[in-house]
PDB file of N, CA and C in Angstrom:
ATOM      1  N   MET A   1      -9.190  -3.830   5.209  1.00  0.00           N
ATOM      2  CA  MET A   1      -8.607  -4.433   4.031  1.00  0.00           C
ATOM      3  C   MET A   1      -7.493  -3.547   3.482  1.00  0.00           C
ATOM      4  N   PHE A   2      -7.807  -2.274   3.325  1.00  0.00           N
ATOM      5  CA  PHE A   2      -6.851  -1.377   2.685  1.00  0.00           C
ATOM      6  C   PHE A   2      -5.671  -1.046   3.587  1.00  0.00           C
ATOM      7  N   GLN A   3      -5.823  -1.240   4.893  1.00  0.00           N
ATOM      8  CA  GLN A   3      -4.700  -1.021   5.796  1.00  0.00           C
ATOM      9  C   GLN A   3      -3.621  -2.070   5.591  1.00  0.00           C
ATOM     10  N   CYS A   4      -3.980  -3.200   5.025  1.00  0.00           N
ATOM     11  CA  CYS A   4      -3.011  -4.278   4.801  1.00  0.00           C
ATOM     12  C   CYS A   4      -2.037  -3.947   3.683  1.00  0.00           C
ATOM     13  N   PHE A   5      -2.521  -3.315   2.648  1.00  0.00           N
ATOM     14  CA  PHE A   5      -1.700  -3.108   1.456  1.00  0.00           C
ATOM     15  C   PHE A   5      -0.387  -2.388   1.749  1.00  0.00           C
ATOM     16  N   PRO A   6      -0.417  -1.203   2.386  1.00  0.00           N
ATOM     17  CA  PRO A   6       0.858  -0.514   2.627  1.00  0.00           C
ATOM     18  C   PRO A   6       1.791  -1.312   3.532  1.00  0.00           C
ATOM     19  N   ALA A   7       1.231  -1.972   4.535  1.00  0.00           N
ATOM     20  CA  ALA A   7       2.066  -2.740   5.460  1.00  0.00           C
ATOM     21  C   ALA A   7       2.735  -3.920   4.761  1.00  0.00           C
ATOM     22  N   VAL A   8       2.001  -4.602   3.908  1.00  0.00           N
ATOM     23  CA  VAL A   8       2.552  -5.756   3.186  1.00  0.00           C
ATOM     24  C   VAL A   8       3.605  -5.298   2.177  1.00  0.00           C
ATOM     25  N   VAL A   9       3.321  -4.236   1.456  1.00  0.00           N
ATOM     26  CA  VAL A   9       4.285  -3.712   0.484  1.00  0.00           C
ATOM     27  C   VAL A   9       5.567  -3.282   1.191  1.00  0.00           C
ATOM     28  N   THR A  10       5.432  -2.640   2.344  1.00  0.00           N
ATOM     29  CA  THR A  10       6.612  -2.223   3.106  1.00  0.00           C
ATOM     30  C   THR A  10       7.418  -3.435   3.568  1.00  0.00           C
ATOM     31  N   ALA A  11       6.746  -4.496   3.975  1.00  0.00           N
ATOM     32  CA  ALA A  11       7.460  -5.716   4.398  1.00  0.00           C
ATOM     33  C   ALA A  11       8.302  -6.270   3.261  1.00  0.00           C
ATOM     34  N   PHE A  12       7.755  -6.275   2.051  1.00  0.00           N
ATOM     35  CA  PHE A  12       8.517  -6.778   0.911  1.00  0.00           C
ATOM     36  C   PHE A  12       9.610  -5.803   0.485  1.00  0.00           C
ATOM     37  N   SER A  13       9.278  -4.521   0.417  1.00  0.00           N
ATOM     38  CA  SER A  13      10.279  -3.546  -0.051  1.00  0.00           C
ATOM     39  C   SER A  13      11.415  -3.360   0.946  1.00  0.00           C
ATOM     40  N   SER A  14      11.194  -3.729   2.205  1.00  0.00           N
ATOM     41  CA  SER A  14      12.261  -3.644   3.206  1.00  0.00           C
ATOM     42  C   SER A  14      13.119  -4.913   3.207  1.00  0.00           C
ATOM     43  N   ASN A  15      12.818  -5.801   2.288  1.00  0.00           N
ATOM     44  CA  ASN A  15      13.518  -7.083   2.177  1.00  0.00           C
ATOM     45  C   ASN A  15      13.324  -7.941   3.429  1.00  0.00           C
ATOM     46  N   GLY A  16      12.108  -7.861   3.991  1.00  0.00           N
ATOM     47  CA  GLY A  16      11.762  -8.697   5.119  1.00  0.00           C
ATOM     48  C   GLY A  16      12.255  -8.210   6.463  1.00  0.00           C
ATOM     49  N   GLU A  17      12.521  -6.911   6.585  1.00  0.00           N
ATOM     50  CA  GLU A  17      12.974  -6.347   7.852  1.00  0.00           C
ATOM     51  C   GLU A  17      11.962  -6.709   8.942  1.00  0.00           C
ATOM     52  N   GLU A  18      12.464  -7.106  10.081  1.00  0.00           N
ATOM     53  CA  GLU A  18      11.643  -7.675  11.152  1.00  0.00           C
ATOM     54  C   GLU A  18      10.474  -6.781  11.567  1.00  0.00           C
ATOM     55  N   GLN A  19      10.720  -5.507  11.765  1.00  0.00           N
ATOM     56  CA  GLN A  19       9.657  -4.592  12.193  1.00  0.00           C
ATOM     57  C   GLN A  19       8.590  -4.432  11.104  1.00  0.00           C
ATOM     58  N   ALA A  20       9.018  -4.356   9.865  1.00  0.00           N
ATOM     59  CA  ALA A  20       8.067  -4.219   8.756  1.00  0.00           C
ATOM     60  C   ALA A  20       7.195  -5.461   8.628  1.00  0.00           C
ATOM     61  N   VAL A  21       7.791  -6.632   8.785  1.00  0.00           N
ATOM     62  CA  VAL A  21       7.022  -7.884   8.718  1.00  0.00           C
ATOM     63  C   VAL A  21       6.054  -7.947   9.897  1.00  0.00           C
ATOM     64  N   ALA A  22       6.482  -7.516  11.067  1.00  0.00           N
ATOM     65  CA  ALA A  22       5.605  -7.506  12.243  1.00  0.00           C
ATOM     66  C   ALA A  22       4.394  -6.598  12.014  1.00  0.00           C
ATOM     67  N   GLU A  23       4.608  -5.462  11.368  1.00  0.00           N
ATOM     68  CA  GLU A  23       3.499  -4.556  11.065  1.00  0.00           C
ATOM     69  C   GLU A  23       2.557  -5.160  10.025  1.00  0.00           C
ATOM     70  N   ALA A  24       3.111  -5.886   9.069  1.00  0.00           N
ATOM     71  CA  ALA A  24       2.271  -6.585   8.087  1.00  0.00           C
ATOM     72  C   ALA A  24       1.454  -7.668   8.789  1.00  0.00           C
ATOM     73  N   HIS A  25       2.077  -8.385   9.707  1.00  0.00           N
ATOM     74  CA  HIS A  25       1.362  -9.414  10.468  1.00  0.00           C
ATOM     75  C   HIS A  25       0.199  -8.809  11.252  1.00  0.00           C
ATOM     76  N   GLU A  26       0.433  -7.666  11.848  1.00  0.00           N
ATOM     77  CA  GLU A  26      -0.621  -6.988  12.608  1.00  0.00           C
ATOM     78  C   GLU A  26      -1.805  -6.636  11.706  1.00  0.00           C
ATOM     79  N   ALA A  27      -1.515  -6.125  10.529  1.00  0.00           N
ATOM     80  CA  ALA A  27      -2.577  -5.765   9.588  1.00  0.00           C
ATOM     81  C   ALA A  27      -3.313  -7.007   9.087  1.00  0.00           C
ATOM     82  N   LEU A  28      -2.574  -8.059   8.770  1.00  0.00           N
ATOM     83  CA  LEU A  28      -3.194  -9.294   8.287  1.00  0.00           C
ATOM     84  C   LEU A  28      -4.008  -9.993   9.374  1.00  0.00           C
ATOM     85  N   GLN A  29      -3.617  -9.810  10.625  1.00  0.00           N
ATOM     86  CA  GLN A  29      -4.341 -10.443  11.730  1.00  0.00           C
ATOM     87  C   GLN A  29      -5.786  -9.956  11.790  1.00  0.00           C
ATOM     88  N   PHE A  30      -6.016  -8.723  11.405  1.00  0.00           N
ATOM     89  CA  PHE A  30      -7.377  -8.184  11.363  1.00  0.00           C
ATOM     90  C   PHE A  30      -8.242  -9.036  10.434  1.00  0.00           C
ATOM     91  N   LEU A  31      -7.717  -9.363   9.258  1.00  0.00           N
ATOM     92  CA  LEU A  31      -8.483 -10.178   8.305  1.00  0.00           C
ATOM     93  C   LEU A  31      -8.632 -11.607   8.796  1.00  0.00           C
ATOM     94  N   GLU A  32      -7.581 -12.135   9.377  1.00  0.00           N
ATOM     95  CA  GLU A  32      -7.644 -13.479   9.965  1.00  0.00           C
ATOM     96  C   GLU A  32      -8.774 -13.544  10.997  1.00  0.00           C
ATOM     97  N   ASN A  33      -8.858 -12.546  11.838  1.00  0.00           N
ATOM     98  CA  ASN A  33      -9.900 -12.509  12.871  1.00  0.00           C
ATOM     99  C   ASN A  33     -11.293 -12.430  12.269  1.00  0.00           C
ATOM    100  N   LYS A  34     -11.450 -11.672  11.194  1.00  0.00           N
ATOM    101  CA  LYS A  34     -12.758 -11.557  10.536  1.00  0.00           C
ATOM    102  C   LYS A  34     -13.201 -12.907   9.990  1.00  0.00           C
ATOM    103  N   LEU A  35     -12.298 -13.631   9.382  1.00  0.00           N
ATOM    104  CA  LEU A  35     -12.638 -14.947   8.839  1.00  0.00           C
ATOM    105  C   LEU A  35     -12.927 -15.949   9.953  1.00  0.00           C
ATOM    106  N   GLU A  36     -12.205 -15.853  11.031  1.00  0.00           N
ATOM    107  CA  GLU A  36     -12.383 -16.768  12.151  1.00  0.00           C
ATOM    108  C   GLU A  36     -13.758 -16.584  12.793  1.00  0.00           C
ATOM    109  N   VAL A  37     -14.171 -15.343  12.942  1.00  0.00           N
ATOM    110  CA  VAL A  37     -15.468 -15.045  13.553  1.00  0.00           C
ATOM    111  C   VAL A  37     -16.603 -15.516  12.654  1.00  0.00           C
ATOM    112  N   LYS A  38     -16.472 -15.267  11.366  1.00  0.00           N
ATOM    113  CA  LYS A  38     -17.532 -15.643  10.426  1.00  0.00           C
ATOM    114  C   LYS A  38     -17.596 -17.148  10.221  1.00  0.00           C
ATOM    115  N   GLY A  39     -16.461 -17.809  10.225  1.00  0.00           N
ATOM    116  CA  GLY A  39     -16.430 -19.247  10.011  1.00  0.00           C
ATOM    117  C   GLY A  39     -16.914 -19.659   8.630  1.00  0.00           C
ATOM    118  N   SER A  40     -16.742 -18.797   7.650  1.00  0.00           N
ATOM    119  CA  SER A  40     -17.225 -19.089   6.303  1.00  0.00           C
ATOM    120  C   SER A  40     -16.067 -19.251   5.328  1.00  0.00           C
ATOM    121  N   LYS A  41     -16.388 -19.759   4.152  1.00  0.00           N
ATOM    122  CA  LYS A  41     -15.394 -20.018   3.121  1.00  0.00           C
ATOM    123  C   LYS A  41     -14.807 -18.716   2.563  1.00  0.00           C
ATOM    124  N   PHE A  42     -15.662 -17.720   2.402  1.00  0.00           N
ATOM    125  CA  PHE A  42     -15.251 -16.429   1.864  1.00  0.00           C
ATOM    126  C   PHE A  42     -15.665 -15.330   2.838  1.00  0.00           C
ATOM    127  N   PHE A  43     -15.207 -14.129   2.603  1.00  0.00           N
ATOM    128  CA  PHE A  43     -15.556 -13.026   3.489  1.00  0.00           C
ATOM    129  C   PHE A  43     -17.061 -12.775   3.510  1.00  0.00           C
ATOM    130  N   GLY A  44     -17.716 -13.029   2.379  1.00  0.00           N
ATOM    131  CA  GLY A  44     -19.155 -12.786   2.297  1.00  0.00           C
ATOM    132  C   GLY A  44     -20.010 -14.007   2.572  1.00  0.00           C
ATOM    133  N   GLY A  45     -19.409 -15.094   2.997  1.00  0.00           N
ATOM    134  CA  GLY A  45     -20.178 -16.325   3.241  1.00  0.00           C
ATOM    135  C   GLY A  45     -19.654 -17.449   2.362  1.00  0.00           C
ATOM    136  N   ASP A  46     -20.577 -18.141   1.711  1.00  0.00           N
ATOM    137  CA  ASP A  46     -20.182 -19.273   0.870  1.00  0.00           C
ATOM    138  C   ASP A  46     -19.910 -18.871  -0.577  1.00  0.00           C
ATOM    139  N   ASN A  47     -20.162 -17.615  -0.899  1.00  0.00           N
ATOM    140  CA  ASN A  47     -19.937 -17.128  -2.258  1.00  0.00           C
ATOM    141  C   ASN A  47     -18.979 -15.939  -2.237  1.00  0.00           C
ATOM    142  N   ILE A  48     -18.231 -15.793  -3.305  1.00  0.00           N
ATOM    143  CA  ILE A  48     -17.315 -14.664  -3.448  1.00  0.00           C
ATOM    144  C   ILE A  48     -18.123 -13.377  -3.568  1.00  0.00           C
ATOM    145  N   ASN A  49     -17.656 -12.345  -2.867  1.00  0.00           N
ATOM    146  CA  ASN A  49     -18.306 -11.043  -2.992  1.00  0.00           C
ATOM    147  C   ASN A  49     -17.244  -9.963  -3.197  1.00  0.00           C
ATOM    148  N   LEU A  50     -17.648  -8.719  -3.110  1.00  0.00           N
ATOM    149  CA  LEU A  50     -16.750  -7.596  -3.382  1.00  0.00           C
ATOM    150  C   LEU A  50     -15.558  -7.548  -2.428  1.00  0.00           C
ATOM    151  N   VAL A  51     -15.750  -7.921  -1.174  1.00  0.00           N
ATOM    152  CA  VAL A  51     -14.639  -7.916  -0.219  1.00  0.00           C
ATOM    153  C   VAL A  51     -13.568  -8.916  -0.664  1.00  0.00           C
ATOM    154  N   ASP A  52     -13.987 -10.095  -1.087  1.00  0.00           N
ATOM    155  CA  ASP A  52     -13.030 -11.093  -1.568  1.00  0.00           C
ATOM    156  C   ASP A  52     -12.275 -10.582  -2.794  1.00  0.00           C
ATOM    157  N   ILE A  53     -12.997  -9.973  -3.705  1.00  0.00           N
ATOM    158  CA  ILE A  53     -12.372  -9.465  -4.923  1.00  0.00           C
ATOM    159  C   ILE A  53     -11.360  -8.368  -4.579  1.00  0.00           C
ATOM    160  N   SER A  54     -11.710  -7.512  -3.634  1.00  0.00           N
ATOM    161  CA  SER A  54     -10.775  -6.445  -3.269  1.00  0.00           C
ATOM    162  C   SER A  54      -9.551  -6.989  -2.539  1.00  0.00           C
ATOM    163  N   ALA A  55      -9.633  -8.203  -2.037  1.00  0.00           N
ATOM    164  CA  ALA A  55      -8.489  -8.827  -1.344  1.00  0.00           C
ATOM    165  C   ALA A  55      -7.678  -9.730  -2.271  1.00  0.00           C
ATOM    166  N   THR A  56      -7.886  -9.629  -3.565  1.00  0.00           N
ATOM    167  CA  THR A  56      -7.131 -10.451  -4.511  1.00  0.00           C
ATOM    168  C   THR A  56      -5.633 -10.285  -4.314  1.00  0.00           C
ATOM    169  N   PHE A  57      -5.198  -9.091  -3.994  1.00  0.00           N
ATOM    170  CA  PHE A  57      -3.756  -8.883  -3.820  1.00  0.00           C
ATOM    171  C   PHE A  57      -3.205  -9.758  -2.699  1.00  0.00           C
ATOM    172  N   ILE A  58      -4.012 -10.028  -1.688  1.00  0.00           N
ATOM    173  CA  ILE A  58      -3.558 -10.894  -0.601  1.00  0.00           C
ATOM    174  C   ILE A  58      -3.539 -12.350  -1.061  1.00  0.00           C
ATOM    175  N   ALA A  59      -4.591 -12.754  -1.734  1.00  0.00           N
ATOM    176  CA  ALA A  59      -4.718 -14.149  -2.146  1.00  0.00           C
ATOM    177  C   ALA A  59      -3.703 -14.540  -3.209  1.00  0.00           C
ATOM    178  N   PHE A  60      -3.405 -13.661  -4.120  1.00  0.00           N
ATOM    179  CA  PHE A  60      -2.577 -14.018  -5.276  1.00  0.00           C
ATOM    180  C   PHE A  60      -1.216 -13.334  -5.271  1.00  0.00           C
ATOM    181  N   TRP A  61      -1.214 -12.026  -5.143  1.00  0.00           N
ATOM    182  CA  TRP A  61       0.017 -11.250  -5.284  1.00  0.00           C
ATOM    183  C   TRP A  61       0.981 -11.456  -4.127  1.00  0.00           C
ATOM    184  N   VAL A  62       0.468 -11.595  -2.903  1.00  0.00           N
ATOM    185  CA  VAL A  62       1.354 -11.796  -1.750  1.00  0.00           C
ATOM    186  C   VAL A  62       2.127 -13.103  -1.889  1.00  0.00           C
ATOM    187  N   GLY A  63       1.440 -14.169  -2.261  1.00  0.00           N
ATOM    188  CA  GLY A  63       2.111 -15.456  -2.444  1.00  0.00           C
ATOM    189  C   GLY A  63       3.170 -15.407  -3.527  1.00  0.00           C
ATOM    190  N   ALA A  64       2.876 -14.715  -4.611  1.00  0.00           N
ATOM    191  CA  ALA A  64       3.849 -14.591  -5.697  1.00  0.00           C
ATOM    192  C   ALA A  64       5.067 -13.785  -5.240  1.00  0.00           C
ATOM    193  N   ALA A  65       4.830 -12.727  -4.486  1.00  0.00           N
ATOM    194  CA  ALA A  65       5.944 -11.921  -3.973  1.00  0.00           C
ATOM    195  C   ALA A  65       6.769 -12.726  -2.969  1.00  0.00           C
ATOM    196  N   GLU A  66       6.114 -13.499  -2.123  1.00  0.00           N
ATOM    197  CA  GLU A  66       6.839 -14.350  -1.173  1.00  0.00           C
ATOM    198  C   GLU A  66       7.754 -15.325  -1.913  1.00  0.00           C
ATOM    199  N   GLU A  67       7.218 -15.930  -2.954  1.00  0.00           N
ATOM    200  CA  GLU A  67       8.010 -16.875  -3.746  1.00  0.00           C
ATOM    201  C   GLU A  67       9.185 -16.179  -4.424  1.00  0.00           C
ATOM    202  N   ALA A  68       8.948 -15.029  -4.984  1.00  0.00           N
ATOM    203  CA  ALA A  68       9.985 -14.309  -5.716  1.00  0.00           C
ATOM    204  C   ALA A  68      11.106 -13.815  -4.806  1.00  0.00           C
ATOM    205  N   LEU A  69      10.736 -13.370  -3.612  1.00  0.00           N
ATOM    206  CA  LEU A  69      11.699 -12.719  -2.730  1.00  0.00           C
ATOM    207  C   LEU A  69      12.222 -13.612  -1.613  1.00  0.00           C
ATOM    208  N   GLY A  70      11.588 -14.762  -1.427  1.00  0.00           N
ATOM    209  CA  GLY A  70      12.010 -15.650  -0.351  1.00  0.00           C
ATOM    210  C   GLY A  70      11.704 -15.089   1.028  1.00  0.00           C
ATOM    211  N   ILE A  71      10.647 -14.291   1.114  1.00  0.00           N
ATOM    212  CA  ILE A  71      10.228 -13.679   2.375  1.00  0.00           C
ATOM    213  C   ILE A  71       8.830 -14.196   2.700  1.00  0.00           C
ATOM    214  N   GLU A  72       8.660 -14.745   3.893  1.00  0.00           N
ATOM    215  CA  GLU A  72       7.338 -15.226   4.284  1.00  0.00           C
ATOM    216  C   GLU A  72       6.631 -14.165   5.113  1.00  0.00           C
ATOM    217  N   VAL A  73       5.514 -13.694   4.592  1.00  0.00           N
ATOM    218  CA  VAL A  73       4.724 -12.677   5.274  1.00  0.00           C
ATOM    219  C   VAL A  73       3.411 -13.273   5.786  1.00  0.00           C
ATOM    220  N   MET A  74       2.839 -14.200   5.029  1.00  0.00           N
ATOM    221  CA  MET A  74       1.537 -14.766   5.374  1.00  0.00           C
ATOM    222  C   MET A  74       1.657 -16.289   5.493  1.00  0.00           C
ATOM    223  N   SER A  75       2.198 -16.751   6.600  1.00  0.00           N
ATOM    224  CA  SER A  75       2.402 -18.191   6.774  1.00  0.00           C
ATOM    225  C   SER A  75       1.100 -18.898   7.136  1.00  0.00           C
ATOM    226  N   LYS A  76       1.024 -20.157   6.725  1.00  0.00           N
ATOM    227  CA  LYS A  76      -0.140 -20.977   7.033  1.00  0.00           C
ATOM    228  C   LYS A  76      -0.270 -21.181   8.549  1.00  0.00           C
ATOM    229  N   HIS A  77       0.856 -21.252   9.233  1.00  0.00           N
ATOM    230  CA  HIS A  77       0.841 -21.448  10.680  1.00  0.00           C
ATOM    231  C   HIS A  77       0.267 -20.226  11.403  1.00  0.00           C
ATOM    232  N   LYS A  78       0.682 -19.050  11.001  1.00  0.00           N
ATOM    233  CA  LYS A  78       0.253 -17.818  11.678  1.00  0.00           C
ATOM    234  C   LYS A  78      -1.137 -17.367  11.234  1.00  0.00           C
ATOM    235  N   PHE A  79      -1.477 -17.645   9.990  1.00  0.00           N
ATOM    236  CA  PHE A  79      -2.756 -17.192   9.433  1.00  0.00           C
ATOM    237  C   PHE A  79      -3.502 -18.353   8.766  1.00  0.00           C
ATOM    238  N   PRO A  80      -3.948 -19.340   9.534  1.00  0.00           N
ATOM    239  CA  PRO A  80      -4.581 -20.520   8.925  1.00  0.00           C
ATOM    240  C   PRO A  80      -5.872 -20.207   8.171  1.00  0.00           C
ATOM    241  N   LYS A  81      -6.713 -19.343   8.706  1.00  0.00           N
ATOM    242  CA  LYS A  81      -7.981 -19.014   8.034  1.00  0.00           C
ATOM    243  C   LYS A  81      -7.734 -18.179   6.781  1.00  0.00           C
ATOM    244  N   LEU A  82      -6.806 -17.264   6.863  1.00  0.00           N
ATOM    245  CA  LEU A  82      -6.505 -16.402   5.721  1.00  0.00           C
ATOM    246  C   LEU A  82      -5.875 -17.203   4.579  1.00  0.00           C
ATOM    247  N   THR A  83      -4.984 -18.132   4.904  1.00  0.00           N
ATOM    248  CA  THR A  83      -4.395 -18.951   3.839  1.00  0.00           C
ATOM    249  C   THR A  83      -5.416 -19.938   3.274  1.00  0.00           C
ATOM    250  N   GLU A  84      -6.319 -20.432   4.119  1.00  0.00           N
ATOM    251  CA  GLU A  84      -7.394 -21.303   3.616  1.00  0.00           C
ATOM    252  C   GLU A  84      -8.310 -20.518   2.680  1.00  0.00           C
ATOM    253  N   TRP A  85      -8.673 -19.301   3.101  1.00  0.00           N
ATOM    254  CA  TRP A  85      -9.492 -18.442   2.241  1.00  0.00           C
ATOM    255  C   TRP A  85      -8.773 -18.198   0.916  1.00  0.00           C
ATOM    256  N   SER A  86      -7.481 -17.886   1.003  1.00  0.00           N
ATOM    257  CA  SER A  86      -6.689 -17.617  -0.194  1.00  0.00           C
ATOM    258  C   SER A  86      -6.719 -18.797  -1.154  1.00  0.00           C
ATOM    259  N   ASP A  87      -6.522 -19.995  -0.628  1.00  0.00           N
ATOM    260  CA  ASP A  87      -6.565 -21.204  -1.470  1.00  0.00           C
ATOM    261  C   ASP A  87      -7.944 -21.384  -2.100  1.00  0.00           C
ATOM    262  N   ASN A  88      -8.991 -21.218  -1.304  1.00  0.00           N
ATOM    263  CA  ASN A  88     -10.361 -21.343  -1.832  1.00  0.00           C
ATOM    264  C   ASN A  88     -10.618 -20.320  -2.933  1.00  0.00           C
ATOM    265  N   TYR A  89     -10.188 -19.107  -2.697  1.00  0.00           N
ATOM    266  CA  TYR A  89     -10.433 -18.020  -3.643  1.00  0.00           C
ATOM    267  C   TYR A  89      -9.673 -18.247  -4.954  1.00  0.00           C
ATOM    268  N   ILE A  90      -8.394 -18.520  -4.851  1.00  0.00           N
ATOM    269  CA  ILE A  90      -7.576 -18.702  -6.051  1.00  0.00           C
ATOM    270  C   ILE A  90      -7.996 -19.927  -6.852  1.00  0.00           C
ATOM    271  N   ASN A  91      -8.516 -20.932  -6.184  1.00  0.00           N
ATOM    272  CA  ASN A  91      -8.923 -22.150  -6.879  1.00  0.00           C
ATOM    273  C   ASN A  91     -10.324 -22.093  -7.454  1.00  0.00           C
ATOM    274  N   CYS A  92     -11.016 -20.990  -7.270  1.00  0.00           N
ATOM    275  CA  CYS A  92     -12.311 -20.781  -7.910  1.00  0.00           C
ATOM    276  C   CYS A  92     -12.053 -20.542  -9.404  1.00  0.00           C
ATOM    277  N   GLN A  93     -12.741 -21.261 -10.263  1.00  0.00           N
ATOM    278  CA  GLN A  93     -12.460 -21.202 -11.702  1.00  0.00           C
ATOM    279  C   GLN A  93     -12.583 -19.789 -12.274  1.00  0.00           C
ATOM    280  N   ALA A  94     -13.589 -19.042 -11.849  1.00  0.00           N
ATOM    281  CA  ALA A  94     -13.763 -17.672 -12.366  1.00  0.00           C
ATOM    282  C   ALA A  94     -12.577 -16.795 -11.989  1.00  0.00           C
ATOM    283  N   VAL A  95     -12.037 -16.991 -10.808  1.00  0.00           N
ATOM    284  CA  VAL A  95     -10.879 -16.216 -10.371  1.00  0.00           C
ATOM    285  C   VAL A  95      -9.647 -16.656 -11.158  1.00  0.00           C
ATOM    286  N   LYS A  96      -9.450 -17.968 -11.279  1.00  0.00           N
ATOM    287  CA  LYS A  96      -8.305 -18.502 -12.045  1.00  0.00           C
ATOM    288  C   LYS A  96      -8.265 -17.918 -13.450  1.00  0.00           C
ATOM    289  N   ASP A  97      -9.444 -17.842 -14.065  1.00  0.00           N
ATOM    290  CA  ASP A  97      -9.527 -17.355 -15.439  1.00  0.00           C
ATOM    291  C   ASP A  97      -9.185 -15.873 -15.573  1.00  0.00           C
ATOM    292  N   SER A  98      -9.265 -15.121 -14.469  1.00  0.00           N
ATOM    293  CA  SER A  98      -9.031 -13.680 -14.546  1.00  0.00           C
ATOM    294  C   SER A  98      -7.634 -13.254 -14.103  1.00  0.00           C
ATOM    295  N   LEU A  99      -6.855 -14.175 -13.552  1.00  0.00           N
ATOM    296  CA  LEU A  99      -5.523 -13.830 -13.056  1.00  0.00           C
ATOM    297  C   LEU A  99      -4.443 -14.119 -14.090  1.00  0.00           C
ATOM    298  N   PRO A 100      -3.367 -13.343 -14.068  1.00  0.00           N
ATOM    299  CA  PRO A 100      -2.251 -13.637 -14.973  1.00  0.00           C
ATOM    300  C   PRO A 100      -1.536 -14.905 -14.513  1.00  0.00           C
ATOM    301  N   PRO A 101      -0.754 -15.528 -15.394  1.00  0.00           N
ATOM    302  CA  PRO A 101       0.011 -16.708 -14.984  1.00  0.00           C
ATOM    303  C   PRO A 101       0.938 -16.366 -13.811  1.00  0.00           C
ATOM    304  N   ARG A 102       0.929 -17.215 -12.789  1.00  0.00           N
ATOM    305  CA  ARG A 102       1.710 -16.958 -11.570  1.00  0.00           C
ATOM    306  C   ARG A 102       3.195 -16.768 -11.885  1.00  0.00           C
ATOM    307  N   GLU A 103       3.738 -17.584 -12.793  1.00  0.00           N
ATOM    308  CA  GLU A 103       5.170 -17.482 -13.092  1.00  0.00           C
ATOM    309  C   GLU A 103       5.531 -16.106 -13.658  1.00  0.00           C
ATOM    310  N   ASN A 104       4.604 -15.480 -14.368  1.00  0.00           N
ATOM    311  CA  ASN A 104       4.849 -14.125 -14.878  1.00  0.00           C
ATOM    312  C   ASN A 104       4.897 -13.105 -13.743  1.00  0.00           C
ATOM    313  N   VAL A 105       4.036 -13.284 -12.771  1.00  0.00           N
ATOM    314  CA  VAL A 105       3.998 -12.369 -11.637  1.00  0.00           C
ATOM    315  C   VAL A 105       5.240 -12.549 -10.768  1.00  0.00           C
ATOM    316  N   VAL A 106       5.651 -13.801 -10.560  1.00  0.00           N
ATOM    317  CA  VAL A 106       6.875 -14.069  -9.798  1.00  0.00           C
ATOM    318  C   VAL A 106       8.069 -13.426 -10.500  1.00  0.00           C
ATOM    319  N   ALA A 107       8.160 -13.578 -11.811  1.00  0.00           N
ATOM    320  CA  ALA A 107       9.257 -12.968 -12.571  1.00  0.00           C
ATOM    321  C   ALA A 107       9.216 -11.443 -12.464  1.00  0.00           C
ATOM    322  N   TYR A 108       8.025 -10.880 -12.500  1.00  0.00           N
ATOM    323  CA  TYR A 108       7.876  -9.426 -12.359  1.00  0.00           C
ATOM    324  C   TYR A 108       8.421  -8.954 -11.009  1.00  0.00           C
ATOM    325  N   PHE A 109       8.036  -9.647  -9.929  1.00  0.00           N
ATOM    326  CA  PHE A 109       8.520  -9.252  -8.601  1.00  0.00           C
ATOM    327  C   PHE A 109      10.015  -9.424  -8.461  1.00  0.00           C
ATOM    328  N   LYS A 110      10.550 -10.464  -9.048  1.00  0.00           N
ATOM    329  CA  LYS A 110      12.013 -10.653  -8.993  1.00  0.00           C
ATOM    330  C   LYS A 110      12.715  -9.481  -9.669  1.00  0.00           C
ATOM    331  N   LYS A 111      12.199  -9.069 -10.795  1.00  0.00           N
ATOM    332  CA  LYS A 111      12.795  -7.946 -11.518  1.00  0.00           C
ATOM    333  C   LYS A 111      12.596  -6.640 -10.744  1.00  0.00           C
ATOM    334  N   LEU A 112      11.385  -6.440 -10.232  1.00  0.00           N
ATOM    335  CA  LEU A 112      11.057  -5.209  -9.503  1.00  0.00           C
ATOM    336  C   LEU A 112      11.948  -5.017  -8.282  1.00  0.00           C
ATOM    337  N   PHE A 113      12.209  -6.101  -7.567  1.00  0.00           N
ATOM    338  CA  PHE A 113      12.981  -6.018  -6.334  1.00  0.00           C
ATOM    339  C   PHE A 113      14.440  -6.429  -6.513  1.00  0.00           C
ATOM    340  N   GLY A 114      14.889  -6.526  -7.751  1.00  0.00           N
ATOM    341  CA  GLY A 114      16.307  -6.801  -8.014  1.00  0.00           C
ATOM    342  C   GLY A 114      16.764  -8.195  -7.654  1.00  0.00           C
ATOM    343  N   LYS A 115      15.878  -9.170  -7.769  1.00  0.00           N
ATOM    344  CA  LYS A 115      16.230 -10.549  -7.438  1.00  0.00           C
ATOM    345  C   LYS A 115      16.375 -11.415  -8.693  1.00  0.00           C
ATOM    346  N   ALA A 116      16.216 -10.812  -9.856  1.00  0.00           N
ATOM    347  CA  ALA A 116      16.276 -11.581 -11.108  1.00  0.00           C
ATOM    348  C   ALA A 116      17.709 -11.749 -11.574  1.00  0.00           C
TER     349      ALA A 116
END
């Protein structure tokens, strides 16, 4: 899980440089494979657990950064299980209630990366 964070951040901070995105894909593929093997809605089965919570940055922040920067790192085509998990996780009411408004996060990333 934690190996994904630096790779994904580098992909965004490099403005989508091909090698950086490829390294992010490699890191994300590990999580995709875990979900594929388990065949469950969440990493812990049918209920959210600590692994899902620790992956919030993938489920919520990555999508917001993609929108803000126009860089696709986690496509539905390349990572179908991971994007399905992300949708399930973000649409859980308890998770929705704990996240900041998406438009605020998108605006933050635009400002952070000079796209505002």
